[in-house]
Amino acid sequence: MNAHVIQRDILRLHIAAVEEKFPLRFIGALPRGCVGHVDEADESALELLTEMRDSLTLMGLCSAEIELGRRLGRTVGLVLLSGLKGREAVEIPKLAKAI
């Protein structure tokens, strides 16, 4: 099964809407398998690296995943840059591709 490709301008529009609603800044798209809580069998899933602003809560992060996933019609997994430690903090940001 081929995953539906999202047009970049549509993706950016939805990301901007989520950034307005939640204290997040999207940095880039991550390769499949970087987000542990996204099922690897879900071929349409989108995994993104984000940076938190101000007072983001865990509930806010989960809500942002759900909101963006609802807008895009697919599963979305978010990784917080500040949540990465050790080797992952160095390697994972290098994997992120511009949105």
N, C-alpha and C. Protein backbone atom coordinates (compact mmCIF):
# COMPACT_ATOMS: atom_id res chain seq x y z
N MET A 1 0.84 -1.17 0.00
CA MET A 1 0.00 0.00 0.00
C MET A 1 0.89 1.24 0.00
N ASN A 2 0.59 2.19 -0.85
CA ASN A 2 1.34 3.44 -0.90
C ASN A 2 0.64 4.49 -0.05
N ALA A 3 1.41 5.15 0.79
CA ALA A 3 0.86 6.20 1.63
C ALA A 3 0.59 7.43 0.78
N HIS A 4 -0.52 8.08 1.03
CA HIS A 4 -0.86 9.29 0.32
C HIS A 4 0.18 10.37 0.62
N VAL A 5 0.70 10.99 -0.41
CA VAL A 5 1.71 12.04 -0.24
C VAL A 5 1.01 13.35 0.07
N ILE A 6 1.47 14.03 1.10
CA ILE A 6 0.90 15.31 1.50
C ILE A 6 1.65 16.42 0.77
N GLN A 7 0.92 17.32 0.15
CA GLN A 7 1.55 18.47 -0.50
C GLN A 7 2.17 19.34 0.58
N ARG A 8 3.38 19.84 0.29
CA ARG A 8 4.13 20.62 1.29
C ARG A 8 3.37 21.86 1.75
N ASP A 9 2.71 22.55 0.84
CA ASP A 9 2.01 23.77 1.23
C ASP A 9 0.83 23.46 2.15
N ILE A 10 0.16 22.33 1.91
CA ILE A 10 -0.94 21.91 2.79
C ILE A 10 -0.39 21.51 4.15
N LEU A 11 0.72 20.76 4.15
CA LEU A 11 1.35 20.35 5.40
C LEU A 11 1.75 21.58 6.21
N ARG A 12 2.38 22.54 5.57
CA ARG A 12 2.80 23.76 6.27
C ARG A 12 1.61 24.53 6.83
N LEU A 13 0.52 24.56 6.09
CA LEU A 13 -0.69 25.24 6.55
C LEU A 13 -1.22 24.60 7.83
N HIS A 14 -1.28 23.27 7.85
CA HIS A 14 -1.77 22.56 9.05
C HIS A 14 -0.78 22.70 10.21
N ILE A 15 0.50 22.66 9.92
CA ILE A 15 1.50 22.83 10.97
C ILE A 15 1.40 24.23 11.58
N ALA A 16 1.22 25.23 10.75
CA ALA A 16 1.07 26.61 11.26
C ALA A 16 -0.15 26.73 12.17
N ALA A 17 -1.23 26.07 11.80
CA ALA A 17 -2.44 26.11 12.63
C ALA A 17 -2.19 25.45 13.99
N VAL A 18 -1.47 24.34 14.00
CA VAL A 18 -1.17 23.65 15.25
C VAL A 18 -0.18 24.47 16.08
N GLU A 19 0.79 25.12 15.43
CA GLU A 19 1.74 25.98 16.16
C GLU A 19 1.03 27.17 16.81
N GLU A 20 -0.02 27.67 16.18
CA GLU A 20 -0.79 28.77 16.78
C GLU A 20 -1.56 28.31 18.01
N LYS A 21 -2.03 27.09 17.97
CA LYS A 21 -2.88 26.56 19.05
C LYS A 21 -2.08 26.02 20.23
N PHE A 22 -0.88 25.48 19.95
CA PHE A 22 -0.07 24.85 20.99
C PHE A 22 1.32 25.50 21.03
N PRO A 23 1.95 25.51 22.19
CA PRO A 23 3.30 26.12 22.30
C PRO A 23 4.39 25.20 21.75
N LEU A 24 4.35 24.99 20.43
CA LEU A 24 5.31 24.14 19.74
C LEU A 24 5.87 24.85 18.52
N ARG A 25 7.08 24.49 18.14
CA ARG A 25 7.65 24.92 16.87
C ARG A 25 8.15 23.66 16.18
N PHE A 26 7.68 23.44 14.96
CA PHE A 26 8.06 22.25 14.20
C PHE A 26 9.41 22.49 13.53
N ILE A 27 10.33 21.54 13.71
CA ILE A 27 11.69 21.67 13.18
C ILE A 27 11.83 20.92 11.87
N GLY A 28 11.37 19.67 11.82
CA GLY A 28 11.52 18.89 10.60
C GLY A 28 10.88 17.52 10.69
N ALA A 29 10.86 16.85 9.55
CA ALA A 29 10.31 15.49 9.47
C ALA A 29 11.41 14.49 9.77
N LEU A 30 11.07 13.48 10.52
CA LEU A 30 12.01 12.42 10.89
C LEU A 30 11.76 11.17 10.06
N PRO A 31 12.78 10.36 9.88
CA PRO A 31 12.59 9.08 9.18
C PRO A 31 11.69 8.15 9.99
N ARG A 32 11.05 7.23 9.29
CA ARG A 32 10.18 6.27 9.95
C ARG A 32 10.95 5.49 11.02
N GLY A 33 10.30 5.28 12.14
CA GLY A 33 10.89 4.50 13.21
C GLY A 33 11.58 5.31 14.29
N CYS A 34 11.63 6.62 14.16
CA CYS A 34 12.27 7.47 15.17
C CYS A 34 11.39 7.68 16.39
N VAL A 35 10.08 7.62 16.20
CA VAL A 35 9.13 7.86 17.29
C VAL A 35 8.65 6.52 17.80
N GLY A 36 9.01 6.21 19.03
CA GLY A 36 8.72 4.90 19.60
C GLY A 36 7.26 4.55 19.75
N HIS A 37 6.40 5.55 19.92
CA HIS A 37 4.99 5.24 20.16
C HIS A 37 4.15 5.22 18.89
N VAL A 38 4.79 5.28 17.71
CA VAL A 38 4.08 5.16 16.44
C VAL A 38 4.34 3.77 15.88
N ASP A 39 3.27 3.08 15.53
CA ASP A 39 3.36 1.72 15.00
C ASP A 39 4.12 1.72 13.67
N GLU A 40 5.20 0.97 13.61
CA GLU A 40 6.02 0.91 12.39
C GLU A 40 5.25 0.33 11.21
N ALA A 41 4.20 -0.42 11.46
CA ALA A 41 3.39 -0.99 10.39
C ALA A 41 2.46 0.05 9.75
N ASP A 42 2.30 1.19 10.40
CA ASP A 42 1.44 2.26 9.89
C ASP A 42 2.22 3.04 8.83
N GLU A 43 2.04 2.65 7.57
CA GLU A 43 2.80 3.24 6.48
C GLU A 43 2.50 4.71 6.23
N SER A 44 1.36 5.19 6.68
CA SER A 44 1.01 6.58 6.43
C SER A 44 1.41 7.51 7.57
N ALA A 45 1.97 6.95 8.64
CA ALA A 45 2.33 7.76 9.82
C ALA A 45 3.38 8.81 9.46
N LEU A 46 3.29 9.94 10.14
CA LEU A 46 4.22 11.04 9.95
C LEU A 46 4.91 11.30 11.28
N GLU A 47 6.24 11.38 11.27
CA GLU A 47 7.01 11.58 12.49
C GLU A 47 7.77 12.90 12.37
N LEU A 48 7.61 13.77 13.38
CA LEU A 48 8.16 15.12 13.30
C LEU A 48 8.95 15.48 14.56
N LEU A 49 10.00 16.26 14.36
CA LEU A 49 10.80 16.79 15.46
C LEU A 49 10.27 18.18 15.78
N THR A 50 10.03 18.43 17.06
CA THR A 50 9.48 19.71 17.49
C THR A 50 10.31 20.29 18.64
N GLU A 51 10.06 21.56 18.86
CA GLU A 51 10.70 22.26 19.97
C GLU A 51 9.57 22.90 20.78
N MET A 52 9.64 22.74 22.09
CA MET A 52 8.57 23.31 22.90
C MET A 52 8.86 24.77 23.22
N ARG A 53 7.78 25.53 23.28
CA ARG A 53 7.86 26.93 23.68
C ARG A 53 7.05 27.07 24.98
N ASP A 54 7.44 28.01 25.76
CA ASP A 54 6.72 28.36 26.99
C ASP A 54 6.34 27.16 27.84
N SER A 55 5.07 26.99 28.07
CA SER A 55 4.61 26.01 29.07
C SER A 55 3.86 24.84 28.42
N LEU A 56 4.54 24.06 27.64
CA LEU A 56 3.92 22.89 27.04
C LEU A 56 3.82 21.79 28.08
N THR A 57 2.65 21.21 28.19
CA THR A 57 2.43 20.08 29.09
C THR A 57 2.40 18.79 28.27
N LEU A 58 2.47 17.66 28.95
CA LEU A 58 2.35 16.38 28.27
C LEU A 58 0.98 16.28 27.59
N MET A 59 -0.04 16.77 28.26
CA MET A 59 -1.38 16.76 27.68
C MET A 59 -1.42 17.63 26.42
N GLY A 60 -0.73 18.76 26.45
CA GLY A 60 -0.66 19.64 25.28
C GLY A 60 0.05 18.98 24.12
N LEU A 61 1.14 18.26 24.41
CA LEU A 61 1.88 17.55 23.36
C LEU A 61 1.01 16.47 22.73
N CYS A 62 0.32 15.70 23.56
CA CYS A 62 -0.58 14.66 23.05
C CYS A 62 -1.72 15.27 22.24
N SER A 63 -2.25 16.37 22.71
CA SER A 63 -3.33 17.05 21.99
C SER A 63 -2.86 17.58 20.65
N ALA A 64 -1.62 18.06 20.59
CA ALA A 64 -1.06 18.55 19.32
C ALA A 64 -0.91 17.40 18.32
N GLU A 65 -0.46 16.22 18.81
CA GLU A 65 -0.37 15.05 17.94
C GLU A 65 -1.73 14.68 17.37
N ILE A 66 -2.72 14.68 18.23
CA ILE A 66 -4.07 14.32 17.81
C ILE A 66 -4.62 15.35 16.83
N GLU A 67 -4.43 16.62 17.14
CA GLU A 67 -4.94 17.70 16.28
C GLU A 67 -4.31 17.64 14.89
N LEU A 68 -3.00 17.51 14.81
CA LEU A 68 -2.33 17.46 13.52
C LEU A 68 -2.72 16.17 12.78
N GLY A 69 -2.81 15.08 13.49
CA GLY A 69 -3.24 13.83 12.88
C GLY A 69 -4.65 13.91 12.32
N ARG A 70 -5.53 14.57 13.03
CA ARG A 70 -6.91 14.76 12.56
C ARG A 70 -6.92 15.61 11.29
N ARG A 71 -6.14 16.68 11.29
CA ARG A 71 -6.08 17.57 10.13
C ARG A 71 -5.51 16.86 8.90
N LEU A 72 -4.52 15.99 9.10
CA LEU A 72 -3.85 15.32 7.99
C LEU A 72 -4.48 13.99 7.61
N GLY A 73 -5.30 13.45 8.51
CA GLY A 73 -5.93 12.17 8.23
C GLY A 73 -4.98 10.99 8.35
N ARG A 74 -4.01 11.11 9.22
CA ARG A 74 -3.03 10.04 9.44
C ARG A 74 -2.46 10.16 10.84
N THR A 75 -1.78 9.12 11.29
CA THR A 75 -1.14 9.13 12.59
C THR A 75 0.06 10.08 12.56
N VAL A 76 0.22 10.85 13.62
CA VAL A 76 1.35 11.76 13.75
C VAL A 76 2.05 11.48 15.07
N GLY A 77 3.36 11.39 15.03
CA GLY A 77 4.17 11.23 16.23
C GLY A 77 5.11 12.40 16.35
N LEU A 78 5.15 13.01 17.52
CA LEU A 78 6.02 14.16 17.75
C LEU A 78 7.13 13.81 18.73
N VAL A 79 8.33 14.28 18.45
CA VAL A 79 9.47 14.13 19.34
C VAL A 79 9.89 15.52 19.77
N LEU A 80 10.03 15.73 21.06
CA LEU A 80 10.52 17.02 21.57
C LEU A 80 12.04 17.02 21.58
N LEU A 81 12.61 18.05 21.02
CA LEU A 81 14.07 18.19 20.99
C LEU A 81 14.63 18.17 22.41
N SER A 82 13.93 18.82 23.33
CA SER A 82 14.40 18.88 24.72
C SER A 82 14.31 17.53 25.43
N GLY A 83 13.56 16.59 24.87
CA GLY A 83 13.42 15.27 25.47
C GLY A 83 14.50 14.30 25.06
N LEU A 84 15.31 14.70 24.09
CA LEU A 84 16.39 13.83 23.63
C LEU A 84 17.61 13.98 24.53
N LYS A 85 18.23 12.87 24.85
CA LYS A 85 19.40 12.88 25.74
C LYS A 85 20.53 12.07 25.12
N GLY A 86 21.75 12.40 25.50
CA GLY A 86 22.92 11.64 25.09
C GLY A 86 23.13 11.62 23.59
N ARG A 87 23.42 10.44 23.07
CA ARG A 87 23.71 10.27 21.65
C ARG A 87 22.52 10.66 20.78
N GLU A 88 21.31 10.36 21.26
CA GLU A 88 20.10 10.71 20.50
C GLU A 88 19.98 12.22 20.31
N ALA A 89 20.39 13.00 21.30
CA ALA A 89 20.29 14.46 21.21
C ALA A 89 21.19 15.01 20.11
N VAL A 90 22.22 14.27 19.76
CA VAL A 90 23.13 14.69 18.70
C VAL A 90 22.69 14.14 17.35
N GLU A 91 22.32 12.86 17.31
CA GLU A 91 22.05 12.18 16.04
C GLU A 91 20.67 12.45 15.45
N ILE A 92 19.63 12.47 16.26
CA ILE A 92 18.27 12.61 15.72
C ILE A 92 18.04 13.96 15.06
N PRO A 93 18.46 15.09 15.61
CA PRO A 93 18.25 16.35 14.90
C PRO A 93 18.93 16.39 13.52
N LYS A 94 20.01 15.65 13.35
CA LYS A 94 20.69 15.59 12.05
C LYS A 94 19.85 14.85 11.01
N LEU A 95 18.95 13.99 11.47
CA LEU A 95 18.09 13.21 10.58
C LEU A 95 16.87 13.99 10.09
N ALA A 96 16.53 15.06 10.79
CA ALA A 96 15.32 15.82 10.46
C ALA A 96 15.50 16.55 9.13
N LYS A 97 14.48 16.42 8.28
CA LYS A 97 14.46 17.10 6.99
C LYS A 97 13.49 18.27 7.06
N ALA A 98 13.83 19.35 6.43
CA ALA A 98 12.99 20.55 6.42
C ALA A 98 11.58 20.22 5.93
N ILE A 99 10.64 20.89 6.53
CA ILE A 99 9.23 20.67 6.15
C ILE A 99 8.87 21.65 5.05
